[in-house]
Amino acid sequence: MVKLVTKEMRGILAAAKDAGWVLEPEAKRLLSLAGIEVPRFAWARTLDEALEFSNSIGFPVVAKVVSPKVLHKSDVGGVDPCVDNEILLGESFERFAAMEGFAGMLVEERVSGVELIIGGKVDYQFGPVVVVGIGGVGVGLYQDTSIRMAPVRRENVEHMLHTLKAYELIEGYRGAEPVNMEELTKTILAFSDLMLELGDSIESIDMNPVMCSPTACIAADARIMLARG
């Protein structure tokens, strides 16, 4: 395994110590540094910054509140998944700005594909474990996941995926194009390596959903919880 945790990544974790978790823009920056693809995004502190970025990549965009006081953004209306013009973006910014601890808005490109979850936690007895499964809002409903202790090897990935009840979604269901298996494999392996190297610093990492298409696998949402104490 290549040593991949950089000084910049450690700085991201150190800056999040007081909150106990890493704000999503910084979580995505950390994942990107680890070789995991994320959407094009900007952490906009002002509406002008949000507008400039959105116009540069083109509408529609996804808008999310950034606040150390808002861990579960969807529960408080802190996510607008399809903002398709400047007026709606301004309305989102104004609503988010009224939320506790407001620290800006995450604006990012919309991505599509099969919704997967790639996550992991540090078990106090066994160490880092990796979870792969069908993601999105139905992850808790379907509970269709495969779990393996890190490190996950290339030869393990296919077995993990084939144990999923909804594996047909990955290989192309009812004429849909299959997910790019090489990109998905690379993402899982990079995540496994990251879990191993951050095991002393974190409690869990969740990437849900990871949007996997015939061309890419992109972590559309990310949450990193720090180790307590």
Foldseek 3Di string as FASTA:
>chain_A
DDDQCDPLLVVQLVVCVVLQWGWWVSQQVNLVSLVAAAFDKDFAQDLVVLVVVCVVVAADKKKFWTFSVPPPGVVPVGIDHGRHDSVSSVVSQVVSVPDPRTRGMMIGHDDAAFWKKWKWFQDPPQGIKIKIARFDPCCVVVVFIFMDHPPDDLVNVVVRLVSGPVSCSQCAPPNFHHFCVVQVSVNNNSVRVVRVVCRVWFGMKMQTTFHTHNPHTHRHTIMTGTDDD
